Amino acid sequence: MEVLAKFHVIVHKIGRIIIPVGTRKFYGIEHGDFVEVKILKYENNKKPREGTFTARVGEQGSIFIPKPLREIMDIKPGDVIEVLLLAHYKAKEVQTK
């Protein structure tokens, strides 16, 4: 699968990470859209741990790493991880009558 963007982020409380504003602007990623990402955690010359998930984009470009994935990869607040943006999907517009 083609990688759209690659960036490094600091993990915040409860697995929140932020998609950089430049990346969001370039791809037109807005609040409510969905992104598919692959994350990699590097540790002391070991093969990186990795996982892939789809998340809904929140305010200011935030997404949350699912708790089971954080536990498996031993991701904690303050860790720096590499993020590969794999896909971006626009949220369907909800029409009200």
N, C-alpha and C. Protein backbone atom coordinates (compact mmCIF):
# COMPACT_ATOMS: atom_id res chain seq x y z
N MET A 1 0.84 -1.18 0.00
CA MET A 1 0.00 0.00 0.00
C MET A 1 0.89 1.25 0.00
N GLU A 2 0.50 2.22 -0.77
CA GLU A 2 1.25 3.46 -0.87
C GLU A 2 1.10 4.31 0.39
N VAL A 3 2.19 4.91 0.82
CA VAL A 3 2.17 5.78 1.99
C VAL A 3 1.95 7.22 1.52
N LEU A 4 0.92 7.88 2.05
CA LEU A 4 0.62 9.27 1.68
C LEU A 4 1.55 10.24 2.40
N ALA A 5 1.81 9.99 3.68
CA ALA A 5 2.65 10.89 4.48
C ALA A 5 3.29 10.10 5.62
N LYS A 6 4.42 10.60 6.10
CA LYS A 6 5.12 10.00 7.23
C LYS A 6 5.54 11.11 8.17
N PHE A 7 5.27 10.93 9.47
CA PHE A 7 5.64 11.94 10.45
C PHE A 7 5.84 11.28 11.80
N HIS A 8 6.49 12.00 12.70
CA HIS A 8 6.72 11.53 14.07
C HIS A 8 5.89 12.38 15.02
N VAL A 9 5.31 11.74 16.02
CA VAL A 9 4.47 12.45 16.98
C VAL A 9 4.75 11.96 18.39
N ILE A 10 4.38 12.79 19.35
CA ILE A 10 4.44 12.42 20.77
C ILE A 10 3.05 11.93 21.16
N VAL A 11 3.02 10.81 21.86
CA VAL A 11 1.75 10.24 22.32
C VAL A 11 1.31 10.99 23.58
N HIS A 12 0.06 11.45 23.59
CA HIS A 12 -0.51 12.15 24.74
C HIS A 12 -1.35 11.18 25.56
N LYS A 13 -2.04 11.70 26.55
CA LYS A 13 -2.89 10.87 27.41
C LYS A 13 -3.87 10.06 26.58
N ILE A 14 -4.19 8.90 27.08
CA ILE A 14 -5.09 7.92 26.49
C ILE A 14 -4.86 7.69 24.99
N GLY A 15 -3.59 7.74 24.59
CA GLY A 15 -3.22 7.38 23.23
C GLY A 15 -3.56 8.40 22.16
N ARG A 16 -3.74 9.65 22.54
CA ARG A 16 -4.08 10.68 21.55
C ARG A 16 -2.81 11.13 20.84
N ILE A 17 -2.91 11.19 19.50
CA ILE A 17 -1.84 11.75 18.68
C ILE A 17 -2.47 12.77 17.74
N ILE A 18 -1.66 13.67 17.23
CA ILE A 18 -2.15 14.76 16.38
C ILE A 18 -1.54 14.65 14.98
N ILE A 19 -2.40 14.66 13.97
CA ILE A 19 -1.92 14.72 12.59
C ILE A 19 -1.47 16.15 12.34
N PRO A 20 -0.24 16.37 11.89
CA PRO A 20 0.26 17.74 11.68
C PRO A 20 -0.65 18.57 10.77
N VAL A 21 -0.76 19.85 11.08
CA VAL A 21 -1.65 20.74 10.33
C VAL A 21 -1.29 20.78 8.85
N GLY A 22 -0.02 20.76 8.51
CA GLY A 22 0.38 20.79 7.10
C GLY A 22 -0.12 19.57 6.34
N THR A 23 -0.05 18.42 6.99
CA THR A 23 -0.53 17.18 6.37
C THR A 23 -2.04 17.23 6.20
N ARG A 24 -2.74 17.73 7.22
CA ARG A 24 -4.21 17.84 7.13
C ARG A 24 -4.62 18.78 6.01
N LYS A 25 -3.94 19.92 5.90
CA LYS A 25 -4.27 20.89 4.85
C LYS A 25 -3.98 20.31 3.47
N PHE A 26 -2.84 19.67 3.30
CA PHE A 26 -2.44 19.13 2.00
C PHE A 26 -3.46 18.11 1.49
N TYR A 27 -3.94 17.23 2.38
CA TYR A 27 -4.89 16.19 1.97
C TYR A 27 -6.35 16.56 2.20
N GLY A 28 -6.60 17.74 2.74
CA GLY A 28 -7.99 18.15 2.98
C GLY A 28 -8.67 17.34 4.07
N ILE A 29 -7.90 16.90 5.05
CA ILE A 29 -8.43 16.10 6.16
C ILE A 29 -9.10 17.04 7.15
N GLU A 30 -10.37 16.75 7.44
CA GLU A 30 -11.16 17.60 8.33
C GLU A 30 -11.72 16.80 9.49
N HIS A 31 -12.19 17.52 10.47
CA HIS A 31 -12.86 16.92 11.63
C HIS A 31 -13.98 16.00 11.14
N GLY A 32 -14.02 14.78 11.63
CA GLY A 32 -15.05 13.83 11.24
C GLY A 32 -14.63 12.86 10.14
N ASP A 33 -13.57 13.19 9.41
CA ASP A 33 -13.07 12.29 8.37
C ASP A 33 -12.42 11.07 9.02
N PHE A 34 -12.12 10.07 8.21
CA PHE A 34 -11.46 8.86 8.69
C PHE A 34 -10.09 8.74 8.04
N VAL A 35 -9.13 8.23 8.81
CA VAL A 35 -7.79 7.97 8.29
C VAL A 35 -7.38 6.55 8.67
N GLU A 36 -6.62 5.94 7.79
CA GLU A 36 -6.01 4.66 8.08
C GLU A 36 -4.54 4.92 8.29
N VAL A 37 -4.01 4.50 9.42
CA VAL A 37 -2.62 4.76 9.74
C VAL A 37 -1.91 3.50 10.20
N LYS A 38 -0.61 3.51 9.99
CA LYS A 38 0.27 2.46 10.52
C LYS A 38 1.21 3.17 11.47
N ILE A 39 1.37 2.63 12.66
CA ILE A 39 2.28 3.23 13.63
C ILE A 39 3.44 2.28 13.89
N LEU A 40 4.60 2.87 14.14
CA LEU A 40 5.80 2.09 14.45
C LEU A 40 6.45 2.66 15.69
N LYS A 41 6.85 1.77 16.59
CA LYS A 41 7.55 2.18 17.81
C LYS A 41 8.93 1.52 17.79
N TYR A 42 9.95 2.38 17.78
CA TYR A 42 11.33 1.91 17.74
C TYR A 42 11.90 1.84 19.15
N GLU A 43 12.68 0.78 19.42
CA GLU A 43 13.32 0.62 20.73
C GLU A 43 14.72 0.02 20.58
N ASN A 44 15.73 0.73 21.03
CA ASN A 44 17.10 0.22 21.18
C ASN A 44 17.54 -0.85 20.18
N ASN A 45 17.69 -0.49 18.94
CA ASN A 45 18.22 -1.39 17.90
C ASN A 45 17.42 -2.68 17.71
N LYS A 46 16.16 -2.70 18.14
CA LYS A 46 15.30 -3.85 17.92
C LYS A 46 14.43 -3.58 16.70
N LYS A 47 13.86 -4.64 16.16
CA LYS A 47 12.89 -4.47 15.08
C LYS A 47 11.71 -3.68 15.65
N PRO A 48 11.21 -2.67 14.92
CA PRO A 48 10.12 -1.86 15.48
C PRO A 48 8.83 -2.65 15.63
N ARG A 49 8.09 -2.31 16.66
CA ARG A 49 6.74 -2.86 16.83
C ARG A 49 5.84 -2.03 15.94
N GLU A 50 4.84 -2.67 15.32
CA GLU A 50 3.97 -1.92 14.42
C GLU A 50 2.53 -2.40 14.51
N GLY A 51 1.64 -1.51 14.14
CA GLY A 51 0.22 -1.82 14.12
C GLY A 51 -0.51 -0.87 13.18
N THR A 52 -1.64 -1.32 12.67
CA THR A 52 -2.43 -0.52 11.73
C THR A 52 -3.85 -0.41 12.26
N PHE A 53 -4.45 0.77 12.10
CA PHE A 53 -5.83 0.97 12.53
C PHE A 53 -6.46 2.11 11.74
N THR A 54 -7.78 2.17 11.80
CA THR A 54 -8.55 3.26 11.20
C THR A 54 -9.16 4.06 12.32
N ALA A 55 -9.12 5.39 12.20
CA ALA A 55 -9.65 6.25 13.25
C ALA A 55 -10.39 7.44 12.65
N ARG A 56 -11.32 7.95 13.42
CA ARG A 56 -12.04 9.17 13.03
C ARG A 56 -11.24 10.37 13.54
N VAL A 57 -11.09 11.38 12.71
CA VAL A 57 -10.32 12.56 13.06
C VAL A 57 -11.16 13.48 13.94
N GLY A 58 -10.58 13.86 15.06
CA GLY A 58 -11.26 14.75 16.00
C GLY A 58 -10.81 16.19 15.80
N GLU A 59 -11.15 17.01 16.77
CA GLU A 59 -10.77 18.42 16.74
C GLU A 59 -9.26 18.55 16.69
N GLN A 60 -8.78 19.54 15.98
CA GLN A 60 -7.35 19.85 15.84
C GLN A 60 -6.55 18.67 15.30
N GLY A 61 -7.20 17.77 14.54
CA GLY A 61 -6.50 16.67 13.90
C GLY A 61 -6.13 15.52 14.82
N SER A 62 -6.80 15.39 15.94
CA SER A 62 -6.45 14.32 16.88
C SER A 62 -7.08 12.99 16.46
N ILE A 63 -6.33 11.93 16.70
CA ILE A 63 -6.84 10.57 16.58
C ILE A 63 -6.35 9.80 17.80
N PHE A 64 -7.00 8.68 18.08
CA PHE A 64 -6.65 7.90 19.27
C PHE A 64 -6.19 6.51 18.87
N ILE A 65 -5.06 6.10 19.42
CA ILE A 65 -4.57 4.74 19.22
C ILE A 65 -5.42 3.84 20.12
N PRO A 66 -6.03 2.79 19.56
CA PRO A 66 -6.87 1.91 20.38
C PRO A 66 -6.09 1.31 21.56
N LYS A 67 -6.77 1.21 22.69
CA LYS A 67 -6.13 0.72 23.92
C LYS A 67 -5.48 -0.66 23.75
N PRO A 68 -6.16 -1.63 23.12
CA PRO A 68 -5.49 -2.94 22.96
C PRO A 68 -4.18 -2.84 22.17
N LEU A 69 -4.13 -1.97 21.17
CA LEU A 69 -2.92 -1.79 20.39
C LEU A 69 -1.83 -1.11 21.23
N ARG A 70 -2.23 -0.11 22.04
CA ARG A 70 -1.25 0.55 22.93
C ARG A 70 -0.66 -0.46 23.90
N GLU A 71 -1.49 -1.36 24.42
CA GLU A 71 -1.01 -2.36 25.38
C GLU A 71 -0.05 -3.35 24.71
N ILE A 72 -0.41 -3.84 23.53
CA ILE A 72 0.44 -4.80 22.81
C ILE A 72 1.79 -4.17 22.46
N MET A 73 1.76 -2.90 22.02
CA MET A 73 2.99 -2.23 21.59
C MET A 73 3.71 -1.52 22.72
N ASP A 74 3.15 -1.57 23.94
CA ASP A 74 3.72 -0.91 25.11
C ASP A 74 3.93 0.59 24.85
N ILE A 75 2.88 1.25 24.35
CA ILE A 75 2.93 2.69 24.07
C ILE A 75 2.38 3.43 25.27
N LYS A 76 3.15 4.41 25.72
CA LYS A 76 2.76 5.22 26.89
C LYS A 76 2.83 6.70 26.55
N PRO A 77 2.12 7.54 27.32
CA PRO A 77 2.22 8.99 27.08
C PRO A 77 3.68 9.44 27.14
N GLY A 78 4.06 10.30 26.20
CA GLY A 78 5.43 10.79 26.13
C GLY A 78 6.28 10.05 25.12
N ASP A 79 5.85 8.85 24.70
CA ASP A 79 6.60 8.11 23.68
C ASP A 79 6.53 8.85 22.35
N VAL A 80 7.58 8.73 21.57
CA VAL A 80 7.59 9.28 20.22
C VAL A 80 7.44 8.10 19.27
N ILE A 81 6.46 8.18 18.38
CA ILE A 81 6.23 7.10 17.43
C ILE A 81 6.23 7.65 16.01
N GLU A 82 6.47 6.75 15.06
CA GLU A 82 6.41 7.11 13.65
C GLU A 82 5.02 6.74 13.14
N VAL A 83 4.41 7.64 12.37
CA VAL A 83 3.08 7.41 11.83
C VAL A 83 3.14 7.47 10.32
N LEU A 84 2.57 6.47 9.67
CA LEU A 84 2.45 6.44 8.22
C LEU A 84 0.97 6.60 7.88
N LEU A 85 0.63 7.66 7.17
CA LEU A 85 -0.74 7.88 6.73
C LEU A 85 -0.95 7.05 5.47
N LEU A 86 -1.84 6.06 5.55
CA LEU A 86 -2.04 5.13 4.44
C LEU A 86 -3.24 5.50 3.57
N ALA A 87 -4.28 6.04 4.18
CA ALA A 87 -5.49 6.37 3.43
C ALA A 87 -6.28 7.43 4.17
N HIS A 88 -7.13 8.12 3.42
CA HIS A 88 -7.97 9.18 3.97
C HIS A 88 -9.35 9.04 3.32
N TYR A 89 -10.38 9.03 4.16
CA TYR A 89 -11.76 8.89 3.67
C TYR A 89 -12.59 10.05 4.20
N LYS A 90 -13.31 10.72 3.31
CA LYS A 90 -14.19 11.81 3.72
C LYS A 90 -15.41 11.22 4.41
N ALA A 91 -15.84 11.87 5.49
CA ALA A 91 -17.05 11.44 6.18
C ALA A 91 -18.24 11.78 5.29
N LYS A 92 -19.21 10.88 5.26
CA LYS A 92 -20.41 11.16 4.47
C LYS A 92 -21.18 12.28 5.13
N GLU A 93 -21.66 13.18 4.34
CA GLU A 93 -22.43 14.29 4.88
C GLU A 93 -23.80 13.80 5.31
N VAL A 94 -24.21 14.22 6.47
CA VAL A 94 -25.50 13.85 7.01
C VAL A 94 -26.50 14.92 6.59
N GLN A 95 -27.53 14.51 5.91
CA GLN A 95 -28.55 15.47 5.48
C GLN A 95 -29.72 15.42 6.43
N THR A 96 -30.16 16.58 6.86
CA THR A 96 -31.32 16.65 7.74
C THR A 96 -32.47 17.27 6.96
N LYS A 97 -33.64 16.82 7.28
CA LYS A 97 -34.83 17.33 6.58
C LYS A 97 -35.50 18.38 7.41
